[in-house]
């Protein structure tokens, strides 16, 4: 499945980066403190698991975070695994 055409939504009211895929909402829960953004929890519905949704979500979130000049504090276990697989993104880590 291709995720390039699916837009990342920054739902600031509830501190979530969201991706809607096939009517299902995946999200990363975050908190912003100063110039740092703490990525707390990533959640993908069971219906979408194993399709690369979480990876696309984190990748899009990092692109957005970098564009805002923020630095990531990866508290989420999935985000930590993503960073091990994609060391090029260490440039956004606080």
PDB file of N, CA and C in Angstrom:
ATOM      1  N   UNK A   1       0.842  -1.197   0.000  1.00  0.00           N
ATOM      2  CA  UNK A   1       0.000   0.000   0.000  1.00  0.00           C
ATOM      3  C   UNK A   1       0.878   1.248   0.000  1.00  0.00           C
ATOM      4  N   UNK A   2       0.416   2.255  -0.719  1.00  0.00           N
ATOM      5  CA  UNK A   2       1.172   3.513  -0.810  1.00  0.00           C
ATOM      6  C   UNK A   2       0.528   4.559   0.106  1.00  0.00           C
ATOM      7  N   UNK A   3       1.372   5.265   0.832  1.00  0.00           N
ATOM      8  CA  UNK A   3       0.864   6.252   1.789  1.00  0.00           C
ATOM      9  C   UNK A   3       1.238   7.682   1.403  1.00  0.00           C
ATOM     10  N   UNK A   4       1.932   7.863   0.270  1.00  0.00           N
ATOM     11  CA  UNK A   4       2.389   9.204  -0.110  1.00  0.00           C
ATOM     12  C   UNK A   4       1.222  10.184  -0.228  1.00  0.00           C
ATOM     13  N   UNK A   5       0.075   9.690  -0.703  1.00  0.00           N
ATOM     14  CA  UNK A   5      -1.068  10.570  -0.966  1.00  0.00           C
ATOM     15  C   UNK A   5      -1.916  10.837   0.274  1.00  0.00           C
ATOM     16  N   UNK A   6      -1.618  10.133   1.366  1.00  0.00           N
ATOM     17  CA  UNK A   6      -2.412  10.311   2.586  1.00  0.00           C
ATOM     18  C   UNK A   6      -1.764  11.385   3.435  1.00  0.00           C
ATOM     19  N   UNK A   7      -2.534  12.400   3.741  1.00  0.00           N
ATOM     20  CA  UNK A   7      -1.989  13.560   4.456  1.00  0.00           C
ATOM     21  C   UNK A   7      -1.950  13.323   5.957  1.00  0.00           C
ATOM     22  N   UNK A   8      -0.818  13.690   6.548  1.00  0.00           N
ATOM     23  CA  UNK A   8      -0.682  13.665   7.996  1.00  0.00           C
ATOM     24  C   UNK A   8      -1.474  14.831   8.568  1.00  0.00           C
ATOM     25  N   UNK A   9      -2.286  14.553   9.583  1.00  0.00           N
ATOM     26  CA  UNK A   9      -3.046  15.593  10.258  1.00  0.00           C
ATOM     27  C   UNK A   9      -2.432  15.824  11.630  1.00  0.00           C
ATOM     28  N   UNK A  10      -2.123  17.092  11.929  1.00  0.00           N
ATOM     29  CA  UNK A  10      -1.670  17.437  13.271  1.00  0.00           C
ATOM     30  C   UNK A  10      -2.888  17.928  14.041  1.00  0.00           C
ATOM     31  N   UNK A  11      -3.459  17.038  14.843  1.00  0.00           N
ATOM     32  CA  UNK A  11      -4.637  17.374  15.642  1.00  0.00           C
ATOM     33  C   UNK A  11      -4.143  17.972  16.963  1.00  0.00           C
ATOM     34  N   UNK A  12      -3.885  19.284  16.925  1.00  0.00           N
ATOM     35  CA  UNK A  12      -3.268  19.943  18.084  1.00  0.00           C
ATOM     36  C   UNK A  12      -4.160  19.929  19.311  1.00  0.00           C
ATOM     37  N   UNK A  13      -5.464  19.891  19.114  1.00  0.00           N
ATOM     38  CA  UNK A  13      -6.401  19.912  20.244  1.00  0.00           C
ATOM     39  C   UNK A  13      -6.185  18.719  21.172  1.00  0.00           C
ATOM     40  N   UNK A  14      -5.850  17.570  20.591  1.00  0.00           N
ATOM     41  CA  UNK A  14      -5.643  16.362  21.411  1.00  0.00           C
ATOM     42  C   UNK A  14      -4.203  15.849  21.336  1.00  0.00           C
ATOM     43  N   UNK A  15      -3.294  16.676  20.785  1.00  0.00           N
ATOM     44  CA  UNK A  15      -1.865  16.337  20.726  1.00  0.00           C
ATOM     45  C   UNK A  15      -1.622  14.996  20.013  1.00  0.00           C
ATOM     46  N   UNK A  16      -2.202  14.872  18.815  1.00  0.00           N
ATOM     47  CA  UNK A  16      -2.017  13.649  18.022  1.00  0.00           C
ATOM     48  C   UNK A  16      -1.625  13.996  16.601  1.00  0.00           C
ATOM     49  N   UNK A  17      -0.659  13.250  16.061  1.00  0.00           N
ATOM     50  CA  UNK A  17      -0.450  13.192  14.616  1.00  0.00           C
ATOM     51  C   UNK A  17      -1.313  12.031  14.144  1.00  0.00           C
ATOM     52  N   UNK A  18      -2.129  12.267  13.111  1.00  0.00           N
ATOM     53  CA  UNK A  18      -3.085  11.258  12.686  1.00  0.00           C
ATOM     54  C   UNK A  18      -2.929  10.920  11.209  1.00  0.00           C
ATOM     55  N   UNK A  19      -3.200   9.670  10.900  1.00  0.00           N
ATOM     56  CA  UNK A  19      -3.230   9.184   9.531  1.00  0.00           C
ATOM     57  C   UNK A  19      -4.512   8.366   9.395  1.00  0.00           C
ATOM     58  N   UNK A  20      -5.359   8.751   8.438  1.00  0.00           N
ATOM     59  CA  UNK A  20      -6.586   7.993   8.178  1.00  0.00           C
ATOM     60  C   UNK A  20      -6.330   7.071   6.994  1.00  0.00           C
ATOM     61  N   UNK A  21      -6.449   5.761   7.225  1.00  0.00           N
ATOM     62  CA  UNK A  21      -6.249   4.763   6.175  1.00  0.00           C
ATOM     63  C   UNK A  21      -7.462   3.845   6.172  1.00  0.00           C
ATOM     64  N   UNK A  22      -8.118   3.746   5.040  1.00  0.00           N
ATOM     65  CA  UNK A  22      -9.304   2.879   4.892  1.00  0.00           C
ATOM     66  C   UNK A  22     -10.322   3.113   6.010  1.00  0.00           C
ATOM     67  N   UNK A  23     -10.506   4.382   6.385  1.00  0.00           N
ATOM     68  CA  UNK A  23     -11.499   4.716   7.406  1.00  0.00           C
ATOM     69  C   UNK A  23     -11.057   4.444   8.832  1.00  0.00           C
ATOM     70  N   UNK A  24      -9.804   4.027   9.015  1.00  0.00           N
ATOM     71  CA  UNK A  24      -9.275   3.763  10.357  1.00  0.00           C
ATOM     72  C   UNK A  24      -8.261   4.845  10.724  1.00  0.00           C
ATOM     73  N   UNK A  25      -8.291   5.275  11.997  1.00  0.00           N
ATOM     74  CA  UNK A  25      -7.401   6.325  12.485  1.00  0.00           C
ATOM     75  C   UNK A  25      -6.212   5.714  13.215  1.00  0.00           C
ATOM     76  N   UNK A  26      -5.014   6.004  12.713  1.00  0.00           N
ATOM     77  CA  UNK A  26      -3.774   5.671  13.414  1.00  0.00           C
ATOM     78  C   UNK A  26      -3.225   6.977  13.969  1.00  0.00           C
ATOM     79  N   UNK A  27      -2.497   6.905  15.073  1.00  0.00           N
ATOM     80  CA  UNK A  27      -2.029   8.169  15.655  1.00  0.00           C
ATOM     81  C   UNK A  27      -0.751   8.000  16.464  1.00  0.00           C
ATOM     82  N   UNK A  28      -0.063   9.131  16.625  1.00  0.00           N
ATOM     83  CA  UNK A  28       1.047   9.254  17.577  1.00  0.00           C
ATOM     84  C   UNK A  28       0.634  10.317  18.580  1.00  0.00           C
ATOM     85  N   UNK A  29       0.657   9.955  19.839  1.00  0.00           N
ATOM     86  CA  UNK A  29       0.366  10.886  20.921  1.00  0.00           C
ATOM     87  C   UNK A  29       1.649  11.652  21.242  1.00  0.00           C
ATOM     88  N   UNK A  30       1.556  12.977  21.359  1.00  0.00           N
ATOM     89  CA  UNK A  30       2.767  13.772  21.600  1.00  0.00           C
ATOM     90  C   UNK A  30       2.507  14.911  22.575  1.00  0.00           C
ATOM     91  N   UNK A  31       3.603  15.458  23.092  1.00  0.00           N
ATOM     92  CA  UNK A  31       3.572  16.679  23.898  1.00  0.00           C
ATOM     93  C   UNK A  31       4.710  17.577  23.416  1.00  0.00           C
ATOM     94  N   UNK A  32       4.427  18.853  23.260  1.00  0.00           N
ATOM     95  CA  UNK A  32       5.460  19.817  22.876  1.00  0.00           C
ATOM     96  C   UNK A  32       5.859  20.599  24.116  1.00  0.00           C
ATOM     97  N   UNK A  33       7.176  20.670  24.360  1.00  0.00           N
ATOM     98  CA  UNK A  33       7.700  21.499  25.450  1.00  0.00           C
ATOM     99  C   UNK A  33       8.856  22.302  24.878  1.00  0.00           C
ATOM    100  N   UNK A  34       8.648  23.574  24.694  1.00  0.00           N
ATOM    101  CA  UNK A  34       9.685  24.424  24.121  1.00  0.00           C
ATOM    102  C   UNK A  34       9.996  24.002  22.697  1.00  0.00           C
ATOM    103  N   UNK A  35      11.274  23.674  22.458  1.00  0.00           N
ATOM    104  CA  UNK A  35      11.714  23.276  21.109  1.00  0.00           C
ATOM    105  C   UNK A  35      11.712  21.756  20.933  1.00  0.00           C
ATOM    106  N   UNK A  36      11.198  21.030  21.932  1.00  0.00           N
ATOM    107  CA  UNK A  36      11.203  19.564  21.885  1.00  0.00           C
ATOM    108  C   UNK A  36       9.781  19.029  21.763  1.00  0.00           C
ATOM    109  N   UNK A  37       9.673  17.937  21.009  1.00  0.00           N
ATOM    110  CA  UNK A  37       8.392  17.241  20.906  1.00  0.00           C
ATOM    111  C   UNK A  37       8.601  15.814  21.396  1.00  0.00           C
ATOM    112  N   UNK A  38       7.836  15.448  22.406  1.00  0.00           N
ATOM    113  CA  UNK A  38       7.934  14.133  23.029  1.00  0.00           C
ATOM    114  C   UNK A  38       6.919  13.212  22.357  1.00  0.00           C
ATOM    115  N   UNK A  39       7.412  12.179  21.672  1.00  0.00           N
ATOM    116  CA  UNK A  39       6.521  11.204  21.035  1.00  0.00           C
ATOM    117  C   UNK A  39       6.281  10.090  22.045  1.00  0.00           C
ATOM    118  N   UNK A  40       5.047  10.021  22.536  1.00  0.00           N
ATOM    119  CA  UNK A  40       4.727   9.211  23.705  1.00  0.00           C
ATOM    120  C   UNK A  40       4.232   7.815  23.335  1.00  0.00           C
ATOM    121  N   UNK A  41       3.357   7.739  22.329  1.00  0.00           N
ATOM    122  CA  UNK A  41       2.697   6.462  22.033  1.00  0.00           C
ATOM    123  C   UNK A  41       2.236   6.455  20.585  1.00  0.00           C
ATOM    124  N   UNK A  42       2.480   5.354  19.891  1.00  0.00           N
ATOM    125  CA  UNK A  42       1.997   5.164  18.521  1.00  0.00           C
ATOM    126  C   UNK A  42       0.963   4.048  18.542  1.00  0.00           C
ATOM    127  N   UNK A  43      -0.163   4.285  17.867  1.00  0.00           N
ATOM    128  CA  UNK A  43      -1.212   3.265  17.849  1.00  0.00           C
ATOM    129  C   UNK A  43      -1.782   3.112  16.447  1.00  0.00           C
ATOM    130  N   UNK A  44      -1.843   1.860  16.006  1.00  0.00           N
ATOM    131  CA  UNK A  44      -2.426   1.511  14.709  1.00  0.00           C
ATOM    132  C   UNK A  44      -3.519   0.479  14.967  1.00  0.00           C
ATOM    133  N   UNK A  45      -4.730   0.696  14.435  1.00  0.00           N
ATOM    134  CA  UNK A  45      -5.802  -0.285  14.651  1.00  0.00           C
ATOM    135  C   UNK A  45      -5.429  -1.664  14.110  1.00  0.00           C
ATOM    136  N   UNK A  46      -5.978  -2.689  14.727  1.00  0.00           N
ATOM    137  CA  UNK A  46      -5.677  -4.060  14.341  1.00  0.00           C
ATOM    138  C   UNK A  46      -5.906  -4.292  12.846  1.00  0.00           C
ATOM    139  N   UNK A  47      -6.939  -3.685  12.297  1.00  0.00           N
ATOM    140  CA  UNK A  47      -7.299  -3.871  10.885  1.00  0.00           C
ATOM    141  C   UNK A  47      -6.174  -3.440   9.939  1.00  0.00           C
ATOM    142  N   UNK A  48      -5.292  -2.555  10.412  1.00  0.00           N
ATOM    143  CA  UNK A  48      -4.235  -2.006   9.555  1.00  0.00           C
ATOM    144  C   UNK A  48      -2.849  -2.574   9.870  1.00  0.00           C
ATOM    145  N   UNK A  49      -2.739  -3.382  10.897  1.00  0.00           N
ATOM    146  CA  UNK A  49      -1.416  -3.838  11.327  1.00  0.00           C
ATOM    147  C   UNK A  49      -0.750  -4.706  10.263  1.00  0.00           C
ATOM    148  N   UNK A  50       0.576  -4.567  10.178  1.00  0.00           N
ATOM    149  CA  UNK A  50       1.345  -5.342   9.222  1.00  0.00           C
ATOM    150  C   UNK A  50       1.358  -4.781   7.822  1.00  0.00           C
ATOM    151  N   UNK A  51       0.838  -3.564   7.641  1.00  0.00           N
ATOM    152  CA  UNK A  51       0.752  -2.956   6.311  1.00  0.00           C
ATOM    153  C   UNK A  51       1.680  -1.748   6.152  1.00  0.00           C
ATOM    154  N   UNK A  52       2.521  -1.492   7.168  1.00  0.00           N
ATOM    155  CA  UNK A  52       3.459  -0.382   7.062  1.00  0.00           C
ATOM    156  C   UNK A  52       2.887   0.963   7.464  1.00  0.00           C
ATOM    157  N   UNK A  53       1.714   0.947   8.084  1.00  0.00           N
ATOM    158  CA  UNK A  53       1.053   2.207   8.458  1.00  0.00           C
ATOM    159  C   UNK A  53       1.845   2.940   9.533  1.00  0.00           C
ATOM    160  N   UNK A  54       2.290   2.232  10.559  1.00  0.00           N
ATOM    161  CA  UNK A  54       3.033   2.875  11.649  1.00  0.00           C
ATOM    162  C   UNK A  54       4.312   3.511  11.111  1.00  0.00           C
ATOM    163  N   UNK A  55       5.005   2.796  10.230  1.00  0.00           N
ATOM    164  CA  UNK A  55       6.240   3.318   9.652  1.00  0.00           C
ATOM    165  C   UNK A  55       5.967   4.588   8.848  1.00  0.00           C
ATOM    166  N   UNK A  56       4.915   4.566   8.037  1.00  0.00           N
ATOM    167  CA  UNK A  56       4.546   5.746   7.246  1.00  0.00           C
ATOM    168  C   UNK A  56       4.160   6.908   8.162  1.00  0.00           C
ATOM    169  N   UNK A  57       3.440   6.602   9.227  1.00  0.00           N
ATOM    170  CA  UNK A  57       3.003   7.622  10.180  1.00  0.00           C
ATOM    171  C   UNK A  57       4.204   8.297  10.838  1.00  0.00           C
ATOM    172  N   UNK A  58       5.160   7.514  11.312  1.00  0.00           N
ATOM    173  CA  UNK A  58       6.344   8.079  11.969  1.00  0.00           C
ATOM    174  C   UNK A  58       7.176   8.878  10.966  1.00  0.00           C
ATOM    175  N   UNK A  59       7.344   8.347   9.764  1.00  0.00           N
ATOM    176  CA  UNK A  59       8.107   9.038   8.727  1.00  0.00           C
ATOM    177  C   UNK A  59       7.483  10.404   8.416  1.00  0.00           C
ATOM    178  N   UNK A  60       6.173  10.432   8.251  1.00  0.00           N
ATOM    179  CA  UNK A  60       5.476  11.695   7.960  1.00  0.00           C
ATOM    180  C   UNK A  60       5.571  12.653   9.153  1.00  0.00           C
ATOM    181  N   UNK A  61       5.458  12.109  10.359  1.00  0.00           N
ATOM    182  CA  UNK A  61       5.559  12.944  11.559  1.00  0.00           C
ATOM    183  C   UNK A  61       6.950  13.567  11.661  1.00  0.00           C
ATOM    184  N   UNK A  62       7.997  12.771  11.387  1.00  0.00           N
ATOM    185  CA  UNK A  62       9.366  13.296  11.435  1.00  0.00           C
ATOM    186  C   UNK A  62       9.566  14.394  10.397  1.00  0.00           C
ATOM    187  N   UNK A  63       9.014  14.203   9.208  1.00  0.00           N
ATOM    188  CA  UNK A  63       9.116  15.221   8.155  1.00  0.00           C
ATOM    189  C   UNK A  63       8.474  16.523   8.625  1.00  0.00           C
ATOM    190  N   UNK A  64       7.291  16.404   9.233  1.00  0.00           N
ATOM    191  CA  UNK A  64       6.573  17.574   9.757  1.00  0.00           C
ATOM    192  C   UNK A  64       7.383  18.233  10.881  1.00  0.00           C
ATOM    193  N   UNK A  65       7.857  17.426  11.823  1.00  0.00           N
ATOM    194  CA  UNK A  65       8.603  17.935  12.983  1.00  0.00           C
ATOM    195  C   UNK A  65       9.855  18.678  12.514  1.00  0.00           C
ATOM    196  N   UNK A  66      10.558  18.087  11.558  1.00  0.00           N
ATOM    197  CA  UNK A  66      11.770  18.725  11.028  1.00  0.00           C
ATOM    198  C   UNK A  66      11.434  20.061  10.372  1.00  0.00           C
ATOM    199  N   UNK A  67      10.315  20.109   9.655  1.00  0.00           N
ATOM    200  CA  UNK A  67       9.915  21.356   8.973  1.00  0.00           C
ATOM    201  C   UNK A  67       9.597  22.469   9.963  1.00  0.00           C
ATOM    202  N   UNK A  68       9.224  22.093  11.195  1.00  0.00           N
ATOM    203  CA  UNK A  68       8.901  23.074  12.241  1.00  0.00           C
ATOM    204  C   UNK A  68      10.111  23.427  13.098  1.00  0.00           C
ATOM    205  N   UNK A  69      11.264  22.780  12.827  1.00  0.00           N
ATOM    206  CA  UNK A  69      12.475  23.079  13.584  1.00  0.00           C
ATOM    207  C   UNK A  69      12.477  22.525  14.994  1.00  0.00           C
ATOM    208  N   UNK A  70      11.650  21.499  15.242  1.00  0.00           N
ATOM    209  CA  UNK A  70      11.593  20.889  16.564  1.00  0.00           C
ATOM    210  C   UNK A  70      12.532  19.691  16.636  1.00  0.00           C
ATOM    211  N   UNK A  71      12.829  19.254  17.856  1.00  0.00           N
ATOM    212  CA  UNK A  71      13.649  18.057  18.079  1.00  0.00           C
ATOM    213  C   UNK A  71      12.806  17.000  18.791  1.00  0.00           C
ATOM    214  N   UNK A  72      13.005  15.756  18.388  1.00  0.00           N
ATOM    215  CA  UNK A  72      12.211  14.632  18.894  1.00  0.00           C
ATOM    216  C   UNK A  72      12.838  14.036  20.151  1.00  0.00           C
ATOM    217  N   UNK A  73      11.982  13.767  21.139  1.00  0.00           N
ATOM    218  CA  UNK A  73      12.352  12.936  22.282  1.00  0.00           C
ATOM    219  C   UNK A  73      11.520  11.658  22.138  1.00  0.00           C
ATOM    220  N   UNK A  74      12.156  10.556  21.686  1.00  0.00           N
ATOM    221  CA  UNK A  74      11.395   9.343  21.358  1.00  0.00           C
ATOM    222  C   UNK A  74      11.108   8.465  22.578  1.00  0.00           C
ATOM    223  N   UNK A  75       9.992   8.738  23.258  1.00  0.00           N
ATOM    224  CA  UNK A  75       9.595   7.936  24.414  1.00  0.00           C
ATOM    225  C   UNK A  75       8.891   6.657  23.979  1.00  0.00           C
ATOM    226  N   UNK A  76       8.258   6.688  22.834  1.00  0.00           N
ATOM    227  CA  UNK A  76       7.500   5.555  22.307  1.00  0.00           C
ATOM    228  C   UNK A  76       8.436   4.440  21.847  1.00  0.00           C
ATOM    229  N   UNK A  77       8.143   3.205  22.257  1.00  0.00           N
ATOM    230  CA  UNK A  77       8.981   2.052  21.887  1.00  0.00           C
ATOM    231  C   UNK A  77       9.009   1.872  20.366  1.00  0.00           C
ATOM    232  N   UNK A  78       7.876   2.064  19.692  1.00  0.00           N
ATOM    233  CA  UNK A  78       7.873   1.892  18.238  1.00  0.00           C
ATOM    234  C   UNK A  78       8.766   2.931  17.559  1.00  0.00           C
ATOM    235  N   UNK A  79       8.701   4.169  18.022  1.00  0.00           N
ATOM    236  CA  UNK A  79       9.530   5.234  17.430  1.00  0.00           C
ATOM    237  C   UNK A  79      11.014   4.893  17.625  1.00  0.00           C
ATOM    238  N   UNK A  80      11.372   4.333  18.771  1.00  0.00           N
ATOM    239  CA  UNK A  80      12.760   3.935  19.026  1.00  0.00           C
ATOM    240  C   UNK A  80      13.200   2.845  18.039  1.00  0.00           C
ATOM    241  N   UNK A  81      12.325   1.883  17.779  1.00  0.00           N
ATOM    242  CA  UNK A  81      12.625   0.818  16.804  1.00  0.00           C
ATOM    243  C   UNK A  81      12.772   1.423  15.405  1.00  0.00           C
ATOM    244  N   UNK A  82      11.864   2.342  15.052  1.00  0.00           N
ATOM    245  CA  UNK A  82      11.920   3.019  13.756  1.00  0.00           C
ATOM    246  C   UNK A  82      13.271   3.710  13.571  1.00  0.00           C
ATOM    247  N   UNK A  83      13.740   4.395  14.605  1.00  0.00           N
ATOM    248  CA  UNK A  83      15.017   5.110  14.528  1.00  0.00           C
ATOM    249  C   UNK A  83      16.196   4.149  14.332  1.00  0.00           C
ATOM    250  N   UNK A  84      16.123   2.962  14.914  1.00  0.00           N
ATOM    251  CA  UNK A  84      17.185   1.969  14.700  1.00  0.00           C
ATOM    252  C   UNK A  84      17.218   1.522  13.244  1.00  0.00           C
ATOM    253  N   UNK A  85      16.031   1.400  12.639  1.00  0.00           N
ATOM    254  CA  UNK A  85      15.936   0.962  11.240  1.00  0.00           C
ATOM    255  C   UNK A  85      16.223   2.097  10.255  1.00  0.00           C
ATOM    256  N   UNK A  86      16.055   3.334  10.716  1.00  0.00           N
ATOM    257  CA  UNK A  86      16.215   4.509   9.841  1.00  0.00           C
ATOM    258  C   UNK A  86      17.126   5.541  10.505  1.00  0.00           C
ATOM    259  N   UNK A  87      18.425   5.215  10.635  1.00  0.00           N
ATOM    260  CA  UNK A  87      19.344   6.110  11.362  1.00  0.00           C
ATOM    261  C   UNK A  87      19.470   7.493  10.728  1.00  0.00           C
ATOM    262  N   UNK A  88      19.069   7.645   9.475  1.00  0.00           N
ATOM    263  CA  UNK A  88      19.127   8.969   8.844  1.00  0.00           C
ATOM    264  C   UNK A  88      18.242   9.979   9.580  1.00  0.00           C
ATOM    265  N   UNK A  89      17.240   9.483  10.303  1.00  0.00           N
ATOM    266  CA  UNK A  89      16.343  10.383  11.042  1.00  0.00           C
ATOM    267  C   UNK A  89      16.915  10.812  12.388  1.00  0.00           C
ATOM    268  N   UNK A  90      18.074  10.273  12.781  1.00  0.00           N
ATOM    269  CA  UNK A  90      18.674  10.697  14.050  1.00  0.00           C
ATOM    270  C   UNK A  90      18.941  12.201  14.065  1.00  0.00           C
ATOM    271  N   UNK A  91      18.952  12.819  12.882  1.00  0.00           N
ATOM    272  CA  UNK A  91      19.166  14.275  12.791  1.00  0.00           C
ATOM    273  C   UNK A  91      18.049  15.064  13.482  1.00  0.00           C
ATOM    274  N   UNK A  92      16.883  14.457  13.704  1.00  0.00           N
ATOM    275  CA  UNK A  92      15.798  15.189  14.365  1.00  0.00           C
ATOM    276  C   UNK A  92      15.692  14.873  15.851  1.00  0.00           C
ATOM    277  N   UNK A  93      16.563  13.967  16.330  1.00  0.00           N
ATOM    278  CA  UNK A  93      16.477  13.553  17.736  1.00  0.00           C
ATOM    279  C   UNK A  93      17.179  14.557  18.637  1.00  0.00           C
ATOM    280  N   UNK A  94      16.531  14.890  19.749  1.00  0.00           N
ATOM    281  CA  UNK A  94      17.079  15.865  20.698  1.00  0.00           C
ATOM    282  C   UNK A  94      18.309  15.301  21.393  1.00  0.00           C
TER     283      UNK A  94
END
